Amino acid sequence: AMFRTLGYPEPVADLLGGICTNFAPSSVF
């Protein structure tokens, strides 16, 4: 949502957000 606020179209904002976020695998714990 922050990247969409900066003006990026939804597909671009979703990919930028995906690059900057992470799922941790449950095996870590």
PDB file of all heavy atoms in Angstrom:
ATOM      1  N   ALA A   1       0.829  -1.210   0.000  1.00  0.00           N
ATOM      2  CA  ALA A   1       0.000   0.000   0.000  1.00  0.00           C
ATOM      3  C   ALA A   1       0.864   1.260   0.000  1.00  0.00           C
ATOM      4  O   ALA A   1       0.508   2.264  -0.633  1.00  0.00           O
ATOM      5  CB  ALA A   1      -0.923  -0.014   1.219  1.00  0.00           C
ATOM      6  N   MET A   2       2.001   1.217   0.688  1.00  0.00           N
ATOM      7  CA  MET A   2       2.893   2.374   0.703  1.00  0.00           C
ATOM      8  C   MET A   2       3.432   2.657  -0.698  1.00  0.00           C
ATOM      9  O   MET A   2       3.483   3.818  -1.140  1.00  0.00           O
ATOM     10  CB  MET A   2       4.043   2.119   1.687  1.00  0.00           C
ATOM     11  CG  MET A   2       4.967   3.314   1.911  1.00  0.00           C
ATOM     12  SD  MET A   2       6.246   3.528   0.643  1.00  0.00           S
ATOM     13  CE  MET A   2       7.120   1.974   0.798  1.00  0.00           C
ATOM     14  N   PHE A   3       3.823   1.609  -1.431  1.00  0.00           N
ATOM     15  CA  PHE A   3       4.331   1.821  -2.792  1.00  0.00           C
ATOM     16  C   PHE A   3       3.213   2.330  -3.712  1.00  0.00           C
ATOM     17  O   PHE A   3       3.487   3.134  -4.616  1.00  0.00           O
ATOM     18  CB  PHE A   3       4.925   0.517  -3.341  1.00  0.00           C
ATOM     19  CG  PHE A   3       6.308   0.218  -2.832  1.00  0.00           C
ATOM     20  CD1 PHE A   3       6.542  -0.861  -2.002  1.00  0.00           C
ATOM     21  CD2 PHE A   3       7.377   1.026  -3.174  1.00  0.00           C
ATOM     22  CE1 PHE A   3       7.811  -1.142  -1.527  1.00  0.00           C
ATOM     23  CE2 PHE A   3       8.657   0.762  -2.709  1.00  0.00           C
ATOM     24  CZ  PHE A   3       8.875  -0.328  -1.875  1.00  0.00           C
ATOM     25  N   ARG A   4       1.968   1.910  -3.496  1.00  0.00           N
ATOM     26  CA  ARG A   4       0.861   2.467  -4.289  1.00  0.00           C
ATOM     27  C   ARG A   4       0.658   3.939  -3.947  1.00  0.00           C
ATOM     28  O   ARG A   4       0.307   4.741  -4.814  1.00  0.00           O
ATOM     29  CB  ARG A   4      -0.429   1.684  -4.038  1.00  0.00           C
ATOM     30  CG  ARG A   4      -0.394   0.247  -4.521  1.00  0.00           C
ATOM     31  CD  ARG A   4      -1.797  -0.304  -4.772  1.00  0.00           C
ATOM     32  NE  ARG A   4      -2.691  -0.092  -3.652  1.00  0.00           N
ATOM     33  CZ  ARG A   4      -2.781  -0.883  -2.587  1.00  0.00           C
ATOM     34  NH1 ARG A   4      -1.998  -1.954  -2.503  1.00  0.00           N
ATOM     35  NH2 ARG A   4      -3.639  -0.636  -1.615  1.00  0.00           N
ATOM     36  N   THR A   5       0.876   4.307  -2.681  1.00  0.00           N
ATOM     37  CA  THR A   5       0.764   5.709  -2.287  1.00  0.00           C
ATOM     38  C   THR A   5       1.810   6.562  -3.008  1.00  0.00           C
ATOM     39  O   THR A   5       1.564   7.714  -3.350  1.00  0.00           O
ATOM     40  CB  THR A   5       0.936   5.848  -0.766  1.00  0.00           C
ATOM     41  OG1 THR A   5      -0.040   5.048  -0.110  1.00  0.00           O
ATOM     42  CG2 THR A   5       0.779   7.291  -0.313  1.00  0.00           C
ATOM     43  N   LEU A   6       2.989   5.978  -3.245  1.00  0.00           N
ATOM     44  CA  LEU A   6       4.024   6.696  -3.987  1.00  0.00           C
ATOM     45  C   LEU A   6       3.683   6.822  -5.466  1.00  0.00           C
ATOM     46  O   LEU A   6       4.382   7.537  -6.183  1.00  0.00           O
ATOM     47  CB  LEU A   6       5.374   5.986  -3.833  1.00  0.00           C
ATOM     48  CG  LEU A   6       5.940   5.900  -2.412  1.00  0.00           C
ATOM     49  CD1 LEU A   6       7.306   5.229  -2.429  1.00  0.00           C
ATOM     50  CD2 LEU A   6       6.031   7.269  -1.757  1.00  0.00           C
ATOM     51  N   GLY A   7       2.637   6.118  -5.917  1.00  0.00           N
ATOM     52  CA  GLY A   7       2.161   6.283  -7.286  1.00  0.00           C
ATOM     53  C   GLY A   7       2.331   5.093  -8.187  1.00  0.00           C
ATOM     54  O   GLY A   7       1.903   5.125  -9.347  1.00  0.00           O
ATOM     55  N   TYR A   8       2.941   4.010  -7.704  1.00  0.00           N
ATOM     56  CA  TYR A   8       3.217   2.878  -8.576  1.00  0.00           C
ATOM     57  C   TYR A   8       1.949   2.061  -8.827  1.00  0.00           C
ATOM     58  O   TYR A   8       1.149   1.847  -7.908  1.00  0.00           O
ATOM     59  CB  TYR A   8       4.312   1.999  -7.966  1.00  0.00           C
ATOM     60  CG  TYR A   8       5.647   2.702  -7.921  1.00  0.00           C
ATOM     61  CD1 TYR A   8       6.138   3.245  -6.740  1.00  0.00           C
ATOM     62  CD2 TYR A   8       6.399   2.870  -9.082  1.00  0.00           C
ATOM     63  CE1 TYR A   8       7.343   3.918  -6.707  1.00  0.00           C
ATOM     64  CE2 TYR A   8       7.608   3.543  -9.057  1.00  0.00           C
ATOM     65  CZ  TYR A   8       8.083   4.071  -7.867  1.00  0.00           C
ATOM     66  OH  TYR A   8       9.266   4.743  -7.842  1.00  0.00           O
ATOM     67  N   PRO A   9       1.743   1.595 -10.064  1.00  0.00           N
ATOM     68  CA  PRO A   9       0.582   0.747 -10.354  1.00  0.00           C
ATOM     69  C   PRO A   9       0.579  -0.507  -9.478  1.00  0.00           C
ATOM     70  O   PRO A   9       1.625  -0.946  -9.001  1.00  0.00           O
ATOM     71  CB  PRO A   9       0.764   0.400 -11.836  1.00  0.00           C
ATOM     72  CG  PRO A   9       1.625   1.483 -12.386  1.00  0.00           C
ATOM     73  CD  PRO A   9       2.544   1.881 -11.265  1.00  0.00           C
ATOM     74  N   GLU A  10      -0.590  -1.068  -9.306  1.00  0.00           N
ATOM     75  CA  GLU A  10      -0.746  -2.190  -8.378  1.00  0.00           C
ATOM     76  C   GLU A  10       0.207  -3.355  -8.657  1.00  0.00           C
ATOM     77  O   GLU A  10       0.844  -3.854  -7.721  1.00  0.00           O
ATOM     78  CB  GLU A  10      -2.197  -2.670  -8.409  1.00  0.00           C
ATOM     79  CG  GLU A  10      -2.478  -3.811  -7.461  1.00  0.00           C
ATOM     80  CD  GLU A  10      -3.931  -4.246  -7.519  1.00  0.00           C
ATOM     81  OE1 GLU A  10      -4.788  -3.456  -7.948  1.00  0.00           O
ATOM     82  OE2 GLU A  10      -4.204  -5.405  -7.136  1.00  0.00           O
ATOM     83  N   PRO A  11       0.360  -3.833  -9.909  1.00  0.00           N
ATOM     84  CA  PRO A  11       1.288  -4.960 -10.131  1.00  0.00           C
ATOM     85  C   PRO A  11       2.731  -4.623  -9.751  1.00  0.00           C
ATOM     86  O   PRO A  11       3.450  -5.463  -9.203  1.00  0.00           O
ATOM     87  CB  PRO A  11       1.146  -5.250 -11.627  1.00  0.00           C
ATOM     88  CG  PRO A  11      -0.167  -4.661 -12.023  1.00  0.00           C
ATOM     89  CD  PRO A  11      -0.335  -3.455 -11.159  1.00  0.00           C
ATOM     90  N   VAL A  12       3.150  -3.391 -10.036  1.00  0.00           N
ATOM     91  CA  VAL A  12       4.515  -2.973  -9.691  1.00  0.00           C
ATOM     92  C   VAL A  12       4.665  -2.848  -8.182  1.00  0.00           C
ATOM     93  O   VAL A  12       5.655  -3.303  -7.596  1.00  0.00           O
ATOM     94  CB  VAL A  12       4.847  -1.637 -10.388  1.00  0.00           C
ATOM     95  CG1 VAL A  12       6.224  -1.130  -9.951  1.00  0.00           C
ATOM     96  CG2 VAL A  12       4.791  -1.797 -11.894  1.00  0.00           C
ATOM     97  N   ALA A  13       3.674  -2.250  -7.518  1.00  0.00           N
ATOM     98  CA  ALA A  13       3.739  -2.082  -6.066  1.00  0.00           C
ATOM     99  C   ALA A  13       3.761  -3.425  -5.355  1.00  0.00           C
ATOM    100  O   ALA A  13       4.474  -3.604  -4.359  1.00  0.00           O
ATOM    101  CB  ALA A  13       2.547  -1.254  -5.586  1.00  0.00           C
ATOM    102  N   ASP A  14       2.994  -4.393  -5.861  1.00  0.00           N
ATOM    103  CA  ASP A  14       2.985  -5.707  -5.232  1.00  0.00           C
ATOM    104  C   ASP A  14       4.342  -6.382  -5.332  1.00  0.00           C
ATOM    105  O   ASP A  14       4.821  -7.007  -4.374  1.00  0.00           O
ATOM    106  CB  ASP A  14       1.921  -6.591  -5.886  1.00  0.00           C
ATOM    107  CG  ASP A  14       0.507  -6.180  -5.485  1.00  0.00           C
ATOM    108  OD1 ASP A  14       0.366  -5.337  -4.574  1.00  0.00           O
ATOM    109  OD2 ASP A  14      -0.454  -6.706  -6.081  1.00  0.00           O
ATOM    110  N   LEU A  15       5.001  -6.261  -6.484  1.00  0.00           N
ATOM    111  CA  LEU A  15       6.318  -6.880  -6.648  1.00  0.00           C
ATOM    112  C   LEU A  15       7.375  -6.169  -5.803  1.00  0.00           C
ATOM    113  O   LEU A  15       8.233  -6.817  -5.193  1.00  0.00           O
ATOM    114  CB  LEU A  15       6.715  -6.874  -8.120  1.00  0.00           C
ATOM    115  CG  LEU A  15       5.947  -7.866  -9.014  1.00  0.00           C
ATOM    116  CD1 LEU A  15       6.240  -7.605 -10.479  1.00  0.00           C
ATOM    117  CD2 LEU A  15       6.304  -9.299  -8.651  1.00  0.00           C
ATOM    118  N   LEU A  16       7.334  -4.837  -5.752  1.00  0.00           N
ATOM    119  CA  LEU A  16       8.273  -4.106  -4.898  1.00  0.00           C
ATOM    120  C   LEU A  16       8.080  -4.496  -3.441  1.00  0.00           C
ATOM    121  O   LEU A  16       9.057  -4.697  -2.702  1.00  0.00           O
ATOM    122  CB  LEU A  16       8.072  -2.598  -5.076  1.00  0.00           C
ATOM    123  CG  LEU A  16       8.562  -1.991  -6.390  1.00  0.00           C
ATOM    124  CD1 LEU A  16       8.090  -0.542  -6.512  1.00  0.00           C
ATOM    125  CD2 LEU A  16      10.078  -2.062  -6.487  1.00  0.00           C
ATOM    126  N   GLY A  17       6.820  -4.613  -3.012  1.00  0.00           N
ATOM    127  CA  GLY A  17       6.559  -5.038  -1.652  1.00  0.00           C
ATOM    128  C   GLY A  17       7.027  -6.456  -1.394  1.00  0.00           C
ATOM    129  O   GLY A  17       7.535  -6.761  -0.307  1.00  0.00           O
ATOM    130  N   GLY A  18       6.867  -7.341  -2.383  1.00  0.00           N
ATOM    131  CA  GLY A  18       7.325  -8.712  -2.213  1.00  0.00           C
ATOM    132  C   GLY A  18       8.828  -8.813  -2.085  1.00  0.00           C
ATOM    133  O   GLY A  18       9.350  -9.645  -1.314  1.00  0.00           O
ATOM    134  N   ILE A  19       9.554  -7.982  -2.813  1.00  0.00           N
ATOM    135  CA  ILE A  19      11.016  -7.998  -2.727  1.00  0.00           C
ATOM    136  C   ILE A  19      11.483  -7.540  -1.345  1.00  0.00           C
ATOM    137  O   ILE A  19      12.501  -8.011  -0.826  1.00  0.00           O
ATOM    138  CB  ILE A  19      11.615  -7.106  -3.831  1.00  0.00           C
ATOM    139  CG1 ILE A  19      11.384  -7.759  -5.202  1.00  0.00           C
ATOM    140  CG2 ILE A  19      13.102  -6.851  -3.611  1.00  0.00           C
ATOM    141  CD1 ILE A  19      11.758  -6.875  -6.372  1.00  0.00           C
ATOM    142  N   CYS A  20      10.738  -6.643  -0.723  1.00  0.00           N
ATOM    143  CA  CYS A  20      11.152  -6.052   0.558  1.00  0.00           C
ATOM    144  C   CYS A  20      10.584  -6.770   1.774  1.00  0.00           C
ATOM    145  O   CYS A  20      10.880  -6.375   2.902  1.00  0.00           O
ATOM    146  CB  CYS A  20      10.747  -4.577   0.606  1.00  0.00           C
ATOM    147  SG  CYS A  20      11.533  -3.557  -0.655  1.00  0.00           S
ATOM    148  N   THR A  21       9.742  -7.802   1.566  1.00  0.00           N
ATOM    149  CA  THR A  21       9.168  -8.532   2.695  1.00  0.00           C
ATOM    150  C   THR A  21       9.524 -10.003   2.572  1.00  0.00           C
ATOM    151  O   THR A  21      10.087 -10.439   1.564  1.00  0.00           O
ATOM    152  CB  THR A  21       7.631  -8.372   2.743  1.00  0.00           C
ATOM    153  OG1 THR A  21       7.064  -8.770   1.480  1.00  0.00           O
ATOM    154  CG2 THR A  21       7.256  -6.925   3.024  1.00  0.00           C
ATOM    155  N   ASN A  22       9.172 -10.779   3.585  1.00  0.00           N
ATOM    156  CA  ASN A  22       9.615 -12.174   3.618  1.00  0.00           C
ATOM    157  C   ASN A  22       8.661 -13.046   4.426  1.00  0.00           C
ATOM    158  O   ASN A  22       8.067 -12.599   5.407  1.00  0.00           O
ATOM    159  CB  ASN A  22      11.023 -12.258   4.238  1.00  0.00           C
ATOM    160  CG  ASN A  22      11.551 -13.680   4.274  1.00  0.00           C
ATOM    161  OD1 ASN A  22      11.425 -14.417   3.307  1.00  0.00           O
ATOM    162  ND2 ASN A  22      12.112 -14.073   5.402  1.00  0.00           N
ATOM    163  N   PHE A  23       8.523 -14.307   3.988  1.00  0.00           N
ATOM    164  CA  PHE A  23       7.949 -15.375   4.801  1.00  0.00           C
ATOM    165  C   PHE A  23       9.130 -16.139   5.412  1.00  0.00           C
ATOM    166  O   PHE A  23      10.036 -16.547   4.693  1.00  0.00           O
ATOM    167  CB  PHE A  23       7.200 -16.397   3.943  1.00  0.00           C
ATOM    168  CG  PHE A  23       5.995 -15.905   3.213  1.00  0.00           C
ATOM    169  CD1 PHE A  23       6.100 -15.199   2.033  1.00  0.00           C
ATOM    170  CD2 PHE A  23       4.732 -16.209   3.682  1.00  0.00           C
ATOM    171  CE1 PHE A  23       4.987 -14.798   1.326  1.00  0.00           C
ATOM    172  CE2 PHE A  23       3.605 -15.813   2.990  1.00  0.00           C
ATOM    173  CZ  PHE A  23       3.727 -15.102   1.813  1.00  0.00           C
ATOM    174  N   ALA A  24       9.142 -16.365   6.683  1.00  0.00           N
ATOM    175  CA  ALA A  24      10.157 -17.238   7.274  1.00  0.00           C
ATOM    176  C   ALA A  24       9.634 -18.672   7.270  1.00  0.00           C
ATOM    177  O   ALA A  24       8.493 -18.908   7.685  1.00  0.00           O
ATOM    178  CB  ALA A  24      10.487 -16.810   8.699  1.00  0.00           C
ATOM    179  N   PRO A  25      10.404 -19.656   6.800  1.00  0.00           N
ATOM    180  CA  PRO A  25       9.933 -21.044   6.832  1.00  0.00           C
ATOM    181  C   PRO A  25       9.767 -21.530   8.259  1.00  0.00           C
ATOM    182  O   PRO A  25      10.563 -21.188   9.147  1.00  0.00           O
ATOM    183  CB  PRO A  25      11.033 -21.810   6.084  1.00  0.00           C
ATOM    184  CG  PRO A  25      12.229 -20.935   6.146  1.00  0.00           C
ATOM    185  CD  PRO A  25      11.733 -19.521   6.201  1.00  0.00           C
ATOM    186  N   SER A  26       8.748 -22.320   8.490  1.00  0.00           N
ATOM    187  CA  SER A  26       8.466 -22.805   9.848  1.00  0.00           C
ATOM    188  C   SER A  26       9.580 -23.683  10.386  1.00  0.00           C
ATOM    189  O   SER A  26       9.726 -23.841  11.601  1.00  0.00           O
ATOM    190  CB  SER A  26       7.138 -23.566   9.863  1.00  0.00           C
ATOM    191  OG  SER A  26       7.177 -24.647   8.953  1.00  0.00           O
ATOM    192  N   SER A  27      10.404 -24.250   9.478  1.00  0.00           N
ATOM    193  CA  SER A  27      11.500 -25.114   9.938  1.00  0.00           C
ATOM    194  C   SER A  27      12.543 -24.351  10.757  1.00  0.00           C
ATOM    195  O   SER A  27      13.320 -24.959  11.483  1.00  0.00           O
ATOM    196  CB  SER A  27      12.179 -25.773   8.732  1.00  0.00           C
ATOM    197  OG  SER A  27      12.679 -24.787   7.839  1.00  0.00           O
ATOM    198  N   VAL A  28      12.572 -23.015  10.629  1.00  0.00           N
ATOM    199  CA  VAL A  28      13.525 -22.217  11.414  1.00  0.00           C
ATOM    200  C   VAL A  28      13.282 -22.403  12.906  1.00  0.00           C
ATOM    201  O   VAL A  28      14.223 -22.334  13.708  1.00  0.00           O
ATOM    202  CB  VAL A  28      13.391 -20.724  11.022  1.00  0.00           C
ATOM    203  CG1 VAL A  28      14.238 -19.844  11.937  1.00  0.00           C
ATOM    204  CG2 VAL A  28      13.805 -20.526   9.581  1.00  0.00           C
ATOM    205  N   PHE A  29      12.036 -22.675  13.288  1.00  0.00           N
ATOM    206  CA  PHE A  29      11.683 -22.772  14.706  1.00  0.00           C
ATOM    207  C   PHE A  29      11.444 -24.218  15.149  1.00  0.00           C
ATOM    208  O   PHE A  29      10.718 -24.462  16.106  1.00  0.00           O
ATOM    209  CB  PHE A  29      10.431 -21.933  14.976  1.00  0.00           C
ATOM    210  CG  PHE A  29      10.530 -20.529  14.468  1.00  0.00           C
ATOM    211  CD1 PHE A  29       9.817 -20.133  13.348  1.00  0.00           C
ATOM    212  CD2 PHE A  29      11.365 -19.610  15.076  1.00  0.00           C
ATOM    213  CE1 PHE A  29       9.907 -18.849  12.860  1.00  0.00           C
ATOM    214  CE2 PHE A  29      11.470 -18.321  14.598  1.00  0.00           C
ATOM    215  CZ  PHE A  29      10.741 -17.930  13.482  1.00  0.00           C
TER     216      PHE A  29
END
